Amino acid sequence: MDIAAIMEKISIWAMPVLLAIILHEVAHGWVAERLGDNTARWMGRLTLNPLKHIDPVGTILIPVALLVIGSPFLFGYAKPVPVNFRNLRRPKQDMVLVALAGPLTNLTLAVLSALLLAFTVALPASAAWVAQPLALMCQASIIINMVLCIFNLLPLPPLDGGRVAVGLLHGQAAYQLSRLEPYGFIIIIVLLATGILQQIIGPLVLGSAEYLINLAMS
């Protein structure tokens, strides 16, 4: 892939990736605050300022590398918004709501992007100069948001789905699952390196994204 093509891809994907990742994290902090924990606000993380959320590796290096190698879908992450679950009014139950806030935000963004895509395809041909790049950004937004939604719902701590599972399980089952958290990212890296993770979430991501895109463009 030549430099011009890489730069074109970055120009299309940069804004959707940043919004998807940042709003995912802000949603965690916002819901936590509603439920009694103000840690994210105290640390200045309830903001859309990307400088407060960007992780050099997860927000920039990994997405750009995946673009360069032509990955079928992108992945990335921001610096996690801090949440002190002990401050929540009902720590075990509220942990589920805080964890779900991120993936549900991404799902909402995917649906809103599909609605905007439907609007762009209805624009007259004279507006193609703005409709075409906007349509490409909407499609990119649908894909990245479905990646983040589905990936984060995997029932493996410290992913959101893992925290949801710990909150819903009881007794020894919840305790045993929570003990995986220190090893969660190692397990994810192994699953990525072996291609197993792509096989698990790939069909779900591509299928759901394709459905939303086709629905918007029909």
N, C-alpha and C. Protein backbone atom coordinates (compact mmCIF):
# COMPACT_ATOMS: atom_id res chain seq x y z
N MET A 1 0.85 -1.19 0.00
CA MET A 1 0.00 0.00 0.00
C MET A 1 0.89 1.25 0.00
N ASP A 2 0.66 2.18 -0.94
CA ASP A 2 1.51 3.36 -1.02
C ASP A 2 1.09 4.40 0.02
N ILE A 3 1.93 5.42 0.17
CA ILE A 3 1.72 6.44 1.20
C ILE A 3 0.39 7.17 1.01
N ALA A 4 0.07 7.48 -0.26
CA ALA A 4 -1.18 8.20 -0.53
C ALA A 4 -2.40 7.41 -0.08
N ALA A 5 -2.37 6.10 -0.35
CA ALA A 5 -3.50 5.25 0.04
C ALA A 5 -3.60 5.15 1.56
N ILE A 6 -2.45 5.06 2.23
CA ILE A 6 -2.44 5.00 3.69
C ILE A 6 -3.01 6.28 4.29
N MET A 7 -2.58 7.42 3.75
CA MET A 7 -3.06 8.70 4.26
C MET A 7 -4.56 8.87 4.02
N GLU A 8 -5.03 8.37 2.88
CA GLU A 8 -6.46 8.44 2.59
C GLU A 8 -7.25 7.62 3.60
N LYS A 9 -6.74 6.42 3.91
CA LYS A 9 -7.42 5.57 4.89
C LYS A 9 -7.43 6.22 6.26
N ILE A 10 -6.30 6.80 6.65
CA ILE A 10 -6.21 7.45 7.95
C ILE A 10 -7.20 8.61 8.03
N SER A 11 -7.32 9.38 6.96
CA SER A 11 -8.24 10.52 6.96
C SER A 11 -9.68 10.07 7.12
N ILE A 12 -10.00 8.88 6.63
CA ILE A 12 -11.37 8.35 6.74
C ILE A 12 -11.62 7.76 8.12
N TRP A 13 -10.62 7.05 8.66
CA TRP A 13 -10.82 6.30 9.88
C TRP A 13 -10.50 7.07 11.16
N ALA A 14 -9.68 8.11 11.09
CA ALA A 14 -9.18 8.76 12.30
C ALA A 14 -10.30 9.25 13.22
N MET A 15 -11.23 10.03 12.68
CA MET A 15 -12.30 10.58 13.50
C MET A 15 -13.23 9.50 14.05
N PRO A 16 -13.70 8.54 13.23
CA PRO A 16 -14.56 7.48 13.79
C PRO A 16 -13.87 6.68 14.89
N VAL A 17 -12.58 6.38 14.72
CA VAL A 17 -11.87 5.60 15.73
C VAL A 17 -11.75 6.39 17.03
N LEU A 18 -11.35 7.66 16.92
CA LEU A 18 -11.20 8.48 18.12
C LEU A 18 -12.53 8.62 18.87
N LEU A 19 -13.61 8.92 18.14
CA LEU A 19 -14.91 9.08 18.79
C LEU A 19 -15.37 7.78 19.44
N ALA A 20 -15.20 6.67 18.75
CA ALA A 20 -15.65 5.38 19.27
C ALA A 20 -14.92 5.02 20.56
N ILE A 21 -13.60 5.22 20.56
CA ILE A 21 -12.79 4.84 21.72
C ILE A 21 -13.02 5.80 22.89
N ILE A 22 -13.02 7.10 22.61
CA ILE A 22 -13.15 8.09 23.69
C ILE A 22 -14.54 8.05 24.32
N LEU A 23 -15.59 8.02 23.50
CA LEU A 23 -16.94 7.99 24.05
C LEU A 23 -17.21 6.71 24.83
N HIS A 24 -16.58 5.62 24.41
CA HIS A 24 -16.70 4.36 25.16
C HIS A 24 -16.21 4.56 26.59
N GLU A 25 -15.05 5.18 26.74
CA GLU A 25 -14.48 5.38 28.08
C GLU A 25 -15.25 6.42 28.88
N VAL A 26 -15.61 7.52 28.24
CA VAL A 26 -16.36 8.56 28.94
C VAL A 26 -17.69 8.00 29.47
N ALA A 27 -18.31 7.11 28.70
CA ALA A 27 -19.59 6.51 29.13
C ALA A 27 -19.42 5.75 30.44
N HIS A 28 -18.31 5.03 30.59
CA HIS A 28 -18.06 4.32 31.85
C HIS A 28 -18.04 5.31 33.01
N GLY A 29 -17.27 6.39 32.86
CA GLY A 29 -17.14 7.36 33.93
C GLY A 29 -18.44 8.10 34.22
N TRP A 30 -19.19 8.42 33.16
CA TRP A 30 -20.45 9.15 33.32
C TRP A 30 -21.47 8.32 34.10
N VAL A 31 -21.59 7.03 33.74
CA VAL A 31 -22.54 6.16 34.45
C VAL A 31 -22.07 5.93 35.88
N ALA A 32 -20.77 5.75 36.07
CA ALA A 32 -20.24 5.57 37.43
C ALA A 32 -20.58 6.78 38.31
N GLU A 33 -20.47 7.98 37.73
CA GLU A 33 -20.80 9.18 38.50
C GLU A 33 -22.28 9.20 38.87
N ARG A 34 -23.13 8.80 37.95
CA ARG A 34 -24.56 8.75 38.26
C ARG A 34 -24.85 7.76 39.39
N LEU A 35 -23.98 6.76 39.54
CA LEU A 35 -24.21 5.71 40.53
C LEU A 35 -23.38 5.88 41.79
N GLY A 36 -22.70 7.04 41.92
CA GLY A 36 -22.05 7.33 43.19
C GLY A 36 -20.55 7.49 43.19
N ASP A 37 -19.87 7.20 42.07
CA ASP A 37 -18.41 7.31 42.05
C ASP A 37 -17.97 8.48 41.18
N ASN A 38 -17.32 9.47 41.78
CA ASN A 38 -16.89 10.67 41.07
C ASN A 38 -15.42 10.63 40.66
N THR A 39 -14.80 9.48 40.73
CA THR A 39 -13.35 9.39 40.47
C THR A 39 -12.99 9.94 39.09
N ALA A 40 -13.73 9.57 38.08
CA ALA A 40 -13.41 10.01 36.72
C ALA A 40 -13.46 11.53 36.60
N ARG A 41 -14.45 12.16 37.23
CA ARG A 41 -14.55 13.63 37.16
C ARG A 41 -13.40 14.27 37.94
N TRP A 42 -13.07 13.74 39.10
CA TRP A 42 -11.96 14.29 39.89
C TRP A 42 -10.65 14.26 39.11
N MET A 43 -10.49 13.23 38.26
CA MET A 43 -9.25 13.07 37.51
C MET A 43 -9.32 13.71 36.12
N GLY A 44 -10.39 14.47 35.87
CA GLY A 44 -10.50 15.20 34.61
C GLY A 44 -10.74 14.34 33.40
N ARG A 45 -11.37 13.17 33.58
CA ARG A 45 -11.56 12.24 32.47
C ARG A 45 -12.96 12.28 31.88
N LEU A 46 -13.87 13.05 32.47
CA LEU A 46 -15.20 13.18 31.86
C LEU A 46 -15.18 14.34 30.87
N THR A 47 -14.39 14.17 29.84
CA THR A 47 -14.19 15.20 28.83
C THR A 47 -14.02 14.54 27.47
N LEU A 48 -14.36 15.29 26.42
CA LEU A 48 -14.15 14.79 25.06
C LEU A 48 -12.79 15.21 24.51
N ASN A 49 -12.00 15.87 25.33
CA ASN A 49 -10.64 16.25 24.92
C ASN A 49 -9.82 14.99 24.68
N PRO A 50 -9.43 14.70 23.42
CA PRO A 50 -8.73 13.44 23.13
C PRO A 50 -7.40 13.31 23.86
N LEU A 51 -6.77 14.44 24.20
CA LEU A 51 -5.47 14.39 24.87
C LEU A 51 -5.58 13.74 26.25
N LYS A 52 -6.77 13.78 26.84
CA LYS A 52 -6.98 13.18 28.16
C LYS A 52 -7.17 11.66 28.08
N HIS A 53 -7.42 11.16 26.88
CA HIS A 53 -7.78 9.74 26.75
C HIS A 53 -6.82 8.94 25.88
N ILE A 54 -6.05 9.60 25.03
CA ILE A 54 -5.24 8.87 24.05
C ILE A 54 -4.17 8.04 24.73
N ASP A 55 -4.11 6.79 24.34
CA ASP A 55 -3.01 5.90 24.71
C ASP A 55 -2.15 5.75 23.45
N PRO A 56 -0.86 6.08 23.52
CA PRO A 56 -0.04 6.08 22.30
C PRO A 56 -0.08 4.76 21.54
N VAL A 57 -0.13 3.65 22.26
CA VAL A 57 -0.15 2.34 21.61
C VAL A 57 -1.57 1.99 21.16
N GLY A 58 -2.51 2.02 22.10
CA GLY A 58 -3.86 1.54 21.80
C GLY A 58 -4.69 2.44 20.92
N THR A 59 -4.45 3.77 21.01
CA THR A 59 -5.26 4.71 20.24
C THR A 59 -4.64 5.09 18.91
N ILE A 60 -3.31 4.98 18.81
CA ILE A 60 -2.63 5.42 17.59
C ILE A 60 -1.90 4.27 16.89
N LEU A 61 -0.95 3.66 17.58
CA LEU A 61 -0.08 2.68 16.94
C LEU A 61 -0.83 1.46 16.42
N ILE A 62 -1.65 0.87 17.25
CA ILE A 62 -2.36 -0.35 16.83
C ILE A 62 -3.33 -0.09 15.68
N PRO A 63 -4.22 0.93 15.77
CA PRO A 63 -5.12 1.18 14.63
C PRO A 63 -4.38 1.49 13.33
N VAL A 64 -3.32 2.32 13.40
CA VAL A 64 -2.57 2.65 12.19
C VAL A 64 -1.90 1.41 11.61
N ALA A 65 -1.32 0.57 12.48
CA ALA A 65 -0.67 -0.65 12.01
C ALA A 65 -1.68 -1.57 11.33
N LEU A 66 -2.87 -1.69 11.90
CA LEU A 66 -3.91 -2.54 11.28
C LEU A 66 -4.36 -1.97 9.94
N LEU A 67 -4.41 -0.64 9.83
CA LEU A 67 -4.73 -0.03 8.54
C LEU A 67 -3.68 -0.35 7.50
N VAL A 68 -2.43 -0.24 7.89
CA VAL A 68 -1.32 -0.45 6.95
C VAL A 68 -1.30 -1.88 6.44
N ILE A 69 -1.56 -2.84 7.32
CA ILE A 69 -1.50 -4.25 6.89
C ILE A 69 -2.79 -4.71 6.22
N GLY A 70 -3.79 -3.81 6.17
CA GLY A 70 -5.03 -4.14 5.48
C GLY A 70 -5.94 -5.06 6.26
N SER A 71 -5.95 -4.92 7.59
CA SER A 71 -6.83 -5.74 8.42
C SER A 71 -8.29 -5.51 8.03
N PRO A 72 -9.13 -6.57 8.05
CA PRO A 72 -10.54 -6.40 7.67
C PRO A 72 -11.31 -5.51 8.63
N PHE A 73 -10.86 -5.40 9.88
CA PHE A 73 -11.47 -4.43 10.78
C PHE A 73 -10.43 -3.94 11.79
N LEU A 74 -10.69 -2.75 12.32
CA LEU A 74 -9.75 -2.12 13.22
C LEU A 74 -10.09 -2.41 14.66
N PHE A 75 -9.08 -2.21 15.50
CA PHE A 75 -9.24 -2.37 16.93
C PHE A 75 -8.36 -1.34 17.61
N GLY A 76 -8.79 -0.84 18.74
CA GLY A 76 -7.99 0.09 19.50
C GLY A 76 -8.58 0.30 20.88
N TYR A 77 -7.88 1.06 21.69
CA TYR A 77 -8.37 1.35 23.02
C TYR A 77 -7.76 2.65 23.52
N ALA A 78 -8.44 3.28 24.47
CA ALA A 78 -7.94 4.49 25.12
C ALA A 78 -7.48 4.14 26.52
N LYS A 79 -6.92 5.13 27.22
CA LYS A 79 -6.58 4.92 28.63
C LYS A 79 -7.89 4.68 29.38
N PRO A 80 -7.98 3.60 30.14
CA PRO A 80 -9.24 3.32 30.86
C PRO A 80 -9.61 4.45 31.80
N VAL A 81 -10.88 4.81 31.81
CA VAL A 81 -11.38 5.79 32.77
C VAL A 81 -11.43 5.13 34.14
N PRO A 82 -10.84 5.77 35.16
CA PRO A 82 -10.80 5.15 36.49
C PRO A 82 -12.17 5.11 37.14
N VAL A 83 -12.51 3.95 37.68
CA VAL A 83 -13.76 3.76 38.42
C VAL A 83 -13.43 3.03 39.71
N ASN A 84 -13.83 3.61 40.84
CA ASN A 84 -13.66 2.97 42.14
C ASN A 84 -14.99 2.31 42.48
N PHE A 85 -15.06 1.01 42.25
CA PHE A 85 -16.33 0.31 42.42
C PHE A 85 -16.81 0.33 43.87
N ARG A 86 -15.91 0.54 44.82
CA ARG A 86 -16.32 0.59 46.22
C ARG A 86 -17.14 1.83 46.53
N ASN A 87 -17.03 2.86 45.67
CA ASN A 87 -17.82 4.07 45.87
C ASN A 87 -19.24 3.96 45.32
N LEU A 88 -19.49 2.95 44.52
CA LEU A 88 -20.83 2.78 43.95
C LEU A 88 -21.82 2.42 45.04
N ARG A 89 -23.06 2.85 44.86
CA ARG A 89 -24.06 2.61 45.90
C ARG A 89 -24.33 1.12 46.09
N ARG A 90 -24.37 0.39 45.01
CA ARG A 90 -24.53 -1.07 45.08
C ARG A 90 -23.40 -1.67 44.24
N PRO A 91 -22.22 -1.84 44.81
CA PRO A 91 -21.02 -2.15 44.02
C PRO A 91 -21.20 -3.30 43.03
N LYS A 92 -21.73 -4.43 43.46
CA LYS A 92 -21.80 -5.59 42.57
C LYS A 92 -22.79 -5.37 41.43
N GLN A 93 -23.97 -4.85 41.77
CA GLN A 93 -24.98 -4.63 40.74
C GLN A 93 -24.60 -3.45 39.84
N ASP A 94 -24.12 -2.37 40.44
CA ASP A 94 -23.80 -1.18 39.65
C ASP A 94 -22.59 -1.40 38.74
N MET A 95 -21.70 -2.32 39.14
CA MET A 95 -20.56 -2.65 38.29
C MET A 95 -21.03 -3.14 36.92
N VAL A 96 -22.14 -3.86 36.90
CA VAL A 96 -22.69 -4.36 35.63
C VAL A 96 -23.12 -3.19 34.75
N LEU A 97 -23.80 -2.21 35.34
CA LEU A 97 -24.27 -1.06 34.57
C LEU A 97 -23.11 -0.22 34.06
N VAL A 98 -22.10 -0.01 34.90
CA VAL A 98 -20.93 0.76 34.47
C VAL A 98 -20.23 0.05 33.32
N ALA A 99 -20.07 -1.26 33.44
CA ALA A 99 -19.39 -2.03 32.39
C ALA A 99 -20.16 -2.01 31.08
N LEU A 100 -21.49 -2.12 31.17
CA LEU A 100 -22.30 -2.16 29.96
C LEU A 100 -22.34 -0.81 29.24
N ALA A 101 -22.06 0.27 29.96
CA ALA A 101 -22.16 1.60 29.37
C ALA A 101 -21.28 1.76 28.14
N GLY A 102 -20.07 1.20 28.16
CA GLY A 102 -19.15 1.33 27.03
C GLY A 102 -19.67 0.66 25.77
N PRO A 103 -19.92 -0.67 25.83
CA PRO A 103 -20.43 -1.35 24.64
C PRO A 103 -21.76 -0.79 24.13
N LEU A 104 -22.65 -0.40 25.04
CA LEU A 104 -23.94 0.16 24.60
C LEU A 104 -23.74 1.50 23.91
N THR A 105 -22.76 2.26 24.36
CA THR A 105 -22.43 3.52 23.68
C THR A 105 -21.95 3.25 22.27
N ASN A 106 -21.10 2.24 22.10
CA ASN A 106 -20.62 1.89 20.76
C ASN A 106 -21.75 1.40 19.87
N LEU A 107 -22.67 0.63 20.42
CA LEU A 107 -23.82 0.17 19.64
C LEU A 107 -24.66 1.36 19.20
N THR A 108 -24.87 2.30 20.11
CA THR A 108 -25.64 3.51 19.78
C THR A 108 -24.95 4.31 18.68
N LEU A 109 -23.63 4.45 18.78
CA LEU A 109 -22.88 5.18 17.75
C LEU A 109 -22.98 4.48 16.40
N ALA A 110 -22.97 3.16 16.40
CA ALA A 110 -23.09 2.41 15.14
C ALA A 110 -24.44 2.67 14.50
N VAL A 111 -25.50 2.67 15.30
CA VAL A 111 -26.85 2.90 14.77
C VAL A 111 -26.97 4.35 14.27
N LEU A 112 -26.44 5.30 15.04
CA LEU A 112 -26.49 6.71 14.60
C LEU A 112 -25.69 6.90 13.31
N SER A 113 -24.57 6.20 13.19
CA SER A 113 -23.77 6.28 11.96
C SER A 113 -24.53 5.72 10.78
N ALA A 114 -25.31 4.66 11.02
CA ALA A 114 -26.12 4.09 9.94
C ALA A 114 -27.21 5.07 9.50
N LEU A 115 -27.80 5.77 10.47
CA LEU A 115 -28.81 6.78 10.13
C LEU A 115 -28.19 7.92 9.32
N LEU A 116 -26.99 8.35 9.72
CA LEU A 116 -26.31 9.41 8.98
C LEU A 116 -25.91 8.92 7.59
N LEU A 117 -25.53 7.66 7.49
CA LEU A 117 -25.19 7.08 6.18
C LEU A 117 -26.42 7.09 5.27
N ALA A 118 -27.57 6.73 5.83
CA ALA A 118 -28.80 6.74 5.04
C ALA A 118 -29.09 8.16 4.53
N PHE A 119 -28.80 9.16 5.35
CA PHE A 119 -29.00 10.54 4.92
C PHE A 119 -28.04 10.92 3.79
N THR A 120 -26.78 10.50 3.90
CA THR A 120 -25.80 10.88 2.89
C THR A 120 -26.11 10.26 1.53
N VAL A 121 -26.59 9.01 1.53
CA VAL A 121 -26.86 8.37 0.24
C VAL A 121 -28.09 8.98 -0.43
N ALA A 122 -28.90 9.71 0.34
CA ALA A 122 -30.08 10.35 -0.22
C ALA A 122 -29.77 11.74 -0.76
N LEU A 123 -28.55 12.23 -0.55
CA LEU A 123 -28.19 13.55 -1.03
C LEU A 123 -28.11 13.56 -2.56
N PRO A 124 -28.37 14.68 -3.19
CA PRO A 124 -28.30 14.75 -4.65
C PRO A 124 -26.87 14.60 -5.15
N ALA A 125 -26.73 14.27 -6.43
CA ALA A 125 -25.41 14.06 -7.02
C ALA A 125 -24.52 15.29 -6.92
N SER A 126 -25.13 16.46 -6.88
CA SER A 126 -24.35 17.69 -6.80
C SER A 126 -23.60 17.82 -5.47
N ALA A 127 -24.02 17.02 -4.48
CA ALA A 127 -23.39 17.08 -3.16
C ALA A 127 -22.40 15.93 -2.96
N ALA A 128 -22.02 15.29 -4.06
CA ALA A 128 -21.14 14.12 -3.96
C ALA A 128 -19.80 14.45 -3.31
N TRP A 129 -19.35 15.69 -3.47
CA TRP A 129 -18.05 16.09 -2.91
C TRP A 129 -18.02 15.98 -1.40
N VAL A 130 -19.18 16.12 -0.75
CA VAL A 130 -19.25 15.95 0.69
C VAL A 130 -19.88 14.62 1.08
N ALA A 131 -20.80 14.13 0.26
CA ALA A 131 -21.51 12.90 0.58
C ALA A 131 -20.60 11.68 0.55
N GLN A 132 -19.70 11.62 -0.44
CA GLN A 132 -18.86 10.44 -0.57
C GLN A 132 -17.90 10.25 0.60
N PRO A 133 -17.11 11.26 0.99
CA PRO A 133 -16.24 11.06 2.15
C PRO A 133 -17.01 10.84 3.44
N LEU A 134 -18.15 11.52 3.58
CA LEU A 134 -18.96 11.34 4.78
C LEU A 134 -19.52 9.92 4.85
N ALA A 135 -19.93 9.39 3.71
CA ALA A 135 -20.44 8.02 3.67
C ALA A 135 -19.35 7.02 4.07
N LEU A 136 -18.13 7.24 3.58
CA LEU A 136 -17.02 6.35 3.94
C LEU A 136 -16.72 6.43 5.44
N MET A 137 -16.79 7.62 6.01
CA MET A 137 -16.56 7.77 7.44
C MET A 137 -17.67 7.11 8.25
N CYS A 138 -18.90 7.19 7.76
CA CYS A 138 -20.02 6.53 8.44
C CYS A 138 -19.83 5.02 8.43
N GLN A 139 -19.42 4.47 7.29
CA GLN A 139 -19.18 3.03 7.22
C GLN A 139 -18.03 2.62 8.16
N ALA A 140 -16.98 3.44 8.20
CA ALA A 140 -15.87 3.16 9.12
C ALA A 140 -16.35 3.20 10.56
N SER A 141 -17.21 4.17 10.88
CA SER A 141 -17.73 4.30 12.23
C SER A 141 -18.57 3.08 12.62
N ILE A 142 -19.37 2.60 11.70
CA ILE A 142 -20.18 1.41 11.97
C ILE A 142 -19.28 0.22 12.29
N ILE A 143 -18.24 0.04 11.50
CA ILE A 143 -17.35 -1.11 11.70
C ILE A 143 -16.60 -1.02 13.02
N ILE A 144 -15.94 0.12 13.30
CA ILE A 144 -15.14 0.23 14.52
C ILE A 144 -16.01 0.13 15.76
N ASN A 145 -17.22 0.71 15.70
CA ASN A 145 -18.10 0.64 16.87
C ASN A 145 -18.63 -0.77 17.11
N MET A 146 -18.89 -1.52 16.05
CA MET A 146 -19.32 -2.90 16.25
C MET A 146 -18.16 -3.77 16.75
N VAL A 147 -16.95 -3.46 16.30
CA VAL A 147 -15.78 -4.18 16.83
C VAL A 147 -15.68 -3.96 18.34
N LEU A 148 -15.72 -2.69 18.77
CA LEU A 148 -15.58 -2.39 20.19
C LEU A 148 -16.74 -2.94 21.01
N CYS A 149 -17.93 -2.87 20.48
CA CYS A 149 -19.10 -3.38 21.19
C CYS A 149 -18.98 -4.89 21.42
N ILE A 150 -18.74 -5.63 20.36
CA ILE A 150 -18.71 -7.09 20.46
C ILE A 150 -17.47 -7.58 21.19
N PHE A 151 -16.31 -7.00 20.88
CA PHE A 151 -15.08 -7.42 21.55
C PHE A 151 -15.17 -7.21 23.06
N ASN A 152 -15.65 -6.04 23.47
CA ASN A 152 -15.70 -5.74 24.89
C ASN A 152 -16.76 -6.53 25.65
N LEU A 153 -17.67 -7.17 24.94
CA LEU A 153 -18.68 -7.99 25.61
C LEU A 153 -18.21 -9.43 25.83
N LEU A 154 -17.00 -9.76 25.38
CA LEU A 154 -16.47 -11.09 25.68
C LEU A 154 -16.37 -11.27 27.20
N PRO A 155 -16.83 -12.40 27.74
CA PRO A 155 -16.88 -12.57 29.20
C PRO A 155 -15.52 -12.90 29.82
N LEU A 156 -14.59 -11.99 29.64
CA LEU A 156 -13.23 -12.20 30.15
C LEU A 156 -12.75 -10.92 30.83
N PRO A 157 -12.58 -10.93 32.15
CA PRO A 157 -12.00 -9.75 32.81
C PRO A 157 -10.60 -9.49 32.26
N PRO A 158 -10.19 -8.23 32.08
CA PRO A 158 -10.86 -6.99 32.52
C PRO A 158 -11.77 -6.37 31.46
N LEU A 159 -12.14 -7.12 30.43
CA LEU A 159 -13.08 -6.58 29.44
C LEU A 159 -14.43 -6.32 30.11
N ASP A 160 -15.22 -5.46 29.49
CA ASP A 160 -16.52 -5.10 30.07
C ASP A 160 -17.40 -6.33 30.26
N GLY A 161 -17.37 -7.23 29.30
CA GLY A 161 -18.18 -8.44 29.42
C GLY A 161 -17.77 -9.29 30.60
N GLY A 162 -16.47 -9.29 30.91
CA GLY A 162 -15.99 -10.01 32.08
C GLY A 162 -16.53 -9.41 33.36
N ARG A 163 -16.55 -8.08 33.43
CA ARG A 163 -17.08 -7.42 34.63
C ARG A 163 -18.58 -7.64 34.75
N VAL A 164 -19.27 -7.67 33.62
CA VAL A 164 -20.70 -7.97 33.64
C VAL A 164 -20.92 -9.39 34.18
N ALA A 165 -20.13 -10.34 33.68
CA ALA A 165 -20.28 -11.72 34.12
C ALA A 165 -19.99 -11.87 35.61
N VAL A 166 -18.93 -11.19 36.09
CA VAL A 166 -18.62 -11.25 37.52
C VAL A 166 -19.77 -10.67 38.34
N GLY A 167 -20.37 -9.60 37.86
CA GLY A 167 -21.48 -8.98 38.58
C GLY A 167 -22.73 -9.83 38.59
N LEU A 168 -22.92 -10.63 37.55
CA LEU A 168 -24.14 -11.45 37.46
C LEU A 168 -23.99 -12.81 38.14
N LEU A 169 -22.76 -13.32 38.15
CA LEU A 169 -22.53 -14.61 38.79
C LEU A 169 -22.53 -14.46 40.31
N HIS A 170 -22.63 -15.58 41.00
CA HIS A 170 -22.69 -15.55 42.45
C HIS A 170 -21.59 -16.44 43.05
N GLY A 171 -21.21 -16.10 44.24
CA GLY A 171 -20.33 -16.95 45.04
C GLY A 171 -19.02 -17.32 44.37
N GLN A 172 -18.72 -18.60 44.40
CA GLN A 172 -17.44 -19.10 43.92
C GLN A 172 -17.23 -18.88 42.43
N ALA A 173 -18.31 -18.94 41.65
CA ALA A 173 -18.19 -18.75 40.21
C ALA A 173 -17.71 -17.33 39.90
N ALA A 174 -18.29 -16.34 40.57
CA ALA A 174 -17.88 -14.95 40.37
C ALA A 174 -16.43 -14.75 40.82
N TYR A 175 -16.07 -15.35 41.94
CA TYR A 175 -14.71 -15.21 42.47
C TYR A 175 -13.68 -15.82 41.54
N GLN A 176 -13.96 -17.00 41.03
CA GLN A 176 -13.01 -17.68 40.15
C GLN A 176 -12.82 -16.90 38.84
N LEU A 177 -13.91 -16.36 38.30
CA LEU A 177 -13.80 -15.58 37.07
C LEU A 177 -13.02 -14.29 37.32
N SER A 178 -13.25 -13.64 38.45
CA SER A 178 -12.55 -12.39 38.75
C SER A 178 -11.05 -12.61 38.90
N ARG A 179 -10.64 -13.81 39.28
CA ARG A 179 -9.21 -14.11 39.46
C ARG A 179 -8.46 -14.13 38.13
N LEU A 180 -9.19 -14.18 37.01
CA LEU A 180 -8.55 -14.17 35.69
C LEU A 180 -8.10 -12.78 35.27
N GLU A 181 -8.56 -11.74 35.97
CA GLU A 181 -8.31 -10.37 35.51
C GLU A 181 -6.83 -10.06 35.29
N PRO A 182 -5.90 -10.45 36.20
CA PRO A 182 -4.49 -10.12 35.95
C PRO A 182 -3.92 -10.76 34.68
N TYR A 183 -4.58 -11.81 34.21
CA TYR A 183 -4.10 -12.55 33.04
C TYR A 183 -4.94 -12.29 31.80
N GLY A 184 -5.95 -11.42 31.95
CA GLY A 184 -6.89 -11.22 30.86
C GLY A 184 -6.25 -10.75 29.57
N PHE A 185 -5.38 -9.74 29.64
CA PHE A 185 -4.77 -9.21 28.43
C PHE A 185 -3.79 -10.20 27.81
N ILE A 186 -3.15 -11.01 28.64
CA ILE A 186 -2.26 -12.05 28.10
C ILE A 186 -3.08 -13.05 27.30
N ILE A 187 -4.24 -13.43 27.85
CA ILE A 187 -5.12 -14.36 27.14
C ILE A 187 -5.59 -13.74 25.83
N ILE A 188 -5.92 -12.45 25.85
CA ILE A 188 -6.38 -11.77 24.63
C ILE A 188 -5.28 -11.76 23.58
N ILE A 189 -4.05 -11.44 23.99
CA ILE A 189 -2.93 -11.41 23.05
C ILE A 189 -2.72 -12.79 22.41
N VAL A 190 -2.80 -13.83 23.23
CA VAL A 190 -2.65 -15.20 22.70
C VAL A 190 -3.76 -15.51 21.70
N LEU A 191 -4.99 -15.13 22.05
CA LEU A 191 -6.11 -15.38 21.14
C LEU A 191 -5.95 -14.61 19.84
N LEU A 192 -5.42 -13.38 19.94
CA LEU A 192 -5.17 -12.58 18.73
C LEU A 192 -4.08 -13.20 17.88
N ALA A 193 -2.98 -13.59 18.53
CA ALA A 193 -1.82 -14.12 17.80
C ALA A 193 -2.15 -15.43 17.10
N THR A 194 -3.03 -16.22 17.70
CA THR A 194 -3.38 -17.52 17.11
C THR A 194 -4.53 -17.42 16.11
N GLY A 195 -5.16 -16.23 16.03
CA GLY A 195 -6.28 -16.06 15.11
C GLY A 195 -7.61 -16.54 15.66
N ILE A 196 -7.60 -17.05 16.89
CA ILE A 196 -8.84 -17.58 17.47
C ILE A 196 -9.84 -16.46 17.73
N LEU A 197 -9.33 -15.32 18.22
CA LEU A 197 -10.22 -14.20 18.52
C LEU A 197 -10.93 -13.71 17.27
N GLN A 198 -10.17 -13.62 16.16
CA GLN A 198 -10.79 -13.18 14.91
C GLN A 198 -11.88 -14.14 14.46
N GLN A 199 -11.65 -15.43 14.68
CA GLN A 199 -12.65 -16.43 14.30
C GLN A 199 -13.90 -16.32 15.17
N ILE A 200 -13.72 -15.90 16.43
CA ILE A 200 -14.85 -15.80 17.35
C ILE A 200 -15.70 -14.58 17.03
N ILE A 201 -15.05 -13.41 16.94
CA ILE A 201 -15.83 -12.19 16.79
C ILE A 201 -15.93 -11.69 15.36
N GLY A 202 -15.05 -12.18 14.47
CA GLY A 202 -15.05 -11.72 13.09
C GLY A 202 -16.41 -11.83 12.41
N PRO A 203 -17.02 -13.02 12.40
CA PRO A 203 -18.32 -13.15 11.73
C PRO A 203 -19.39 -12.26 12.35
N LEU A 204 -19.37 -12.11 13.68
CA LEU A 204 -20.36 -11.26 14.35
C LEU A 204 -20.16 -9.79 13.97
N VAL A 205 -18.90 -9.34 13.98
CA VAL A 205 -18.61 -7.95 13.65
C VAL A 205 -18.97 -7.65 12.21
N LEU A 206 -18.43 -8.45 11.29
CA LEU A 206 -18.65 -8.19 9.87
C LEU A 206 -20.12 -8.36 9.50
N GLY A 207 -20.77 -9.35 10.10
CA GLY A 207 -22.18 -9.58 9.81
C GLY A 207 -23.06 -8.43 10.28
N SER A 208 -22.84 -7.97 11.51
CA SER A 208 -23.66 -6.88 12.04
C SER A 208 -23.36 -5.56 11.33
N ALA A 209 -22.08 -5.31 11.04
CA ALA A 209 -21.72 -4.08 10.33
C ALA A 209 -22.29 -4.08 8.91
N GLU A 210 -22.19 -5.21 8.24
CA GLU A 210 -22.72 -5.31 6.87
C GLU A 210 -24.24 -5.11 6.88
N TYR A 211 -24.90 -5.65 7.89
CA TYR A 211 -26.36 -5.49 7.98
C TYR A 211 -26.73 -4.02 8.11
N LEU A 212 -26.05 -3.29 9.01
CA LEU A 212 -26.37 -1.88 9.22
C LEU A 212 -26.05 -1.05 7.97
N ILE A 213 -24.92 -1.35 7.33
CA ILE A 213 -24.55 -0.60 6.13
C ILE A 213 -25.54 -0.86 5.00
N ASN A 214 -25.87 -2.11 4.78
CA ASN A 214 -26.83 -2.44 3.71
C ASN A 214 -28.20 -1.85 4.00
N LEU A 215 -28.60 -1.86 5.27
CA LEU A 215 -29.91 -1.29 5.64
C LEU A 215 -29.93 0.21 5.37
N ALA A 216 -28.82 0.88 5.68
CA ALA A 216 -28.76 2.32 5.47
C ALA A 216 -28.74 2.69 3.98
N MET A 217 -28.13 1.84 3.17
CA MET A 217 -27.95 2.17 1.76
C MET A 217 -29.07 1.62 0.89
N SER A 218 -30.02 0.89 1.49
CA SER A 218 -31.09 0.30 0.68
C SER A 218 -32.22 1.31 0.43
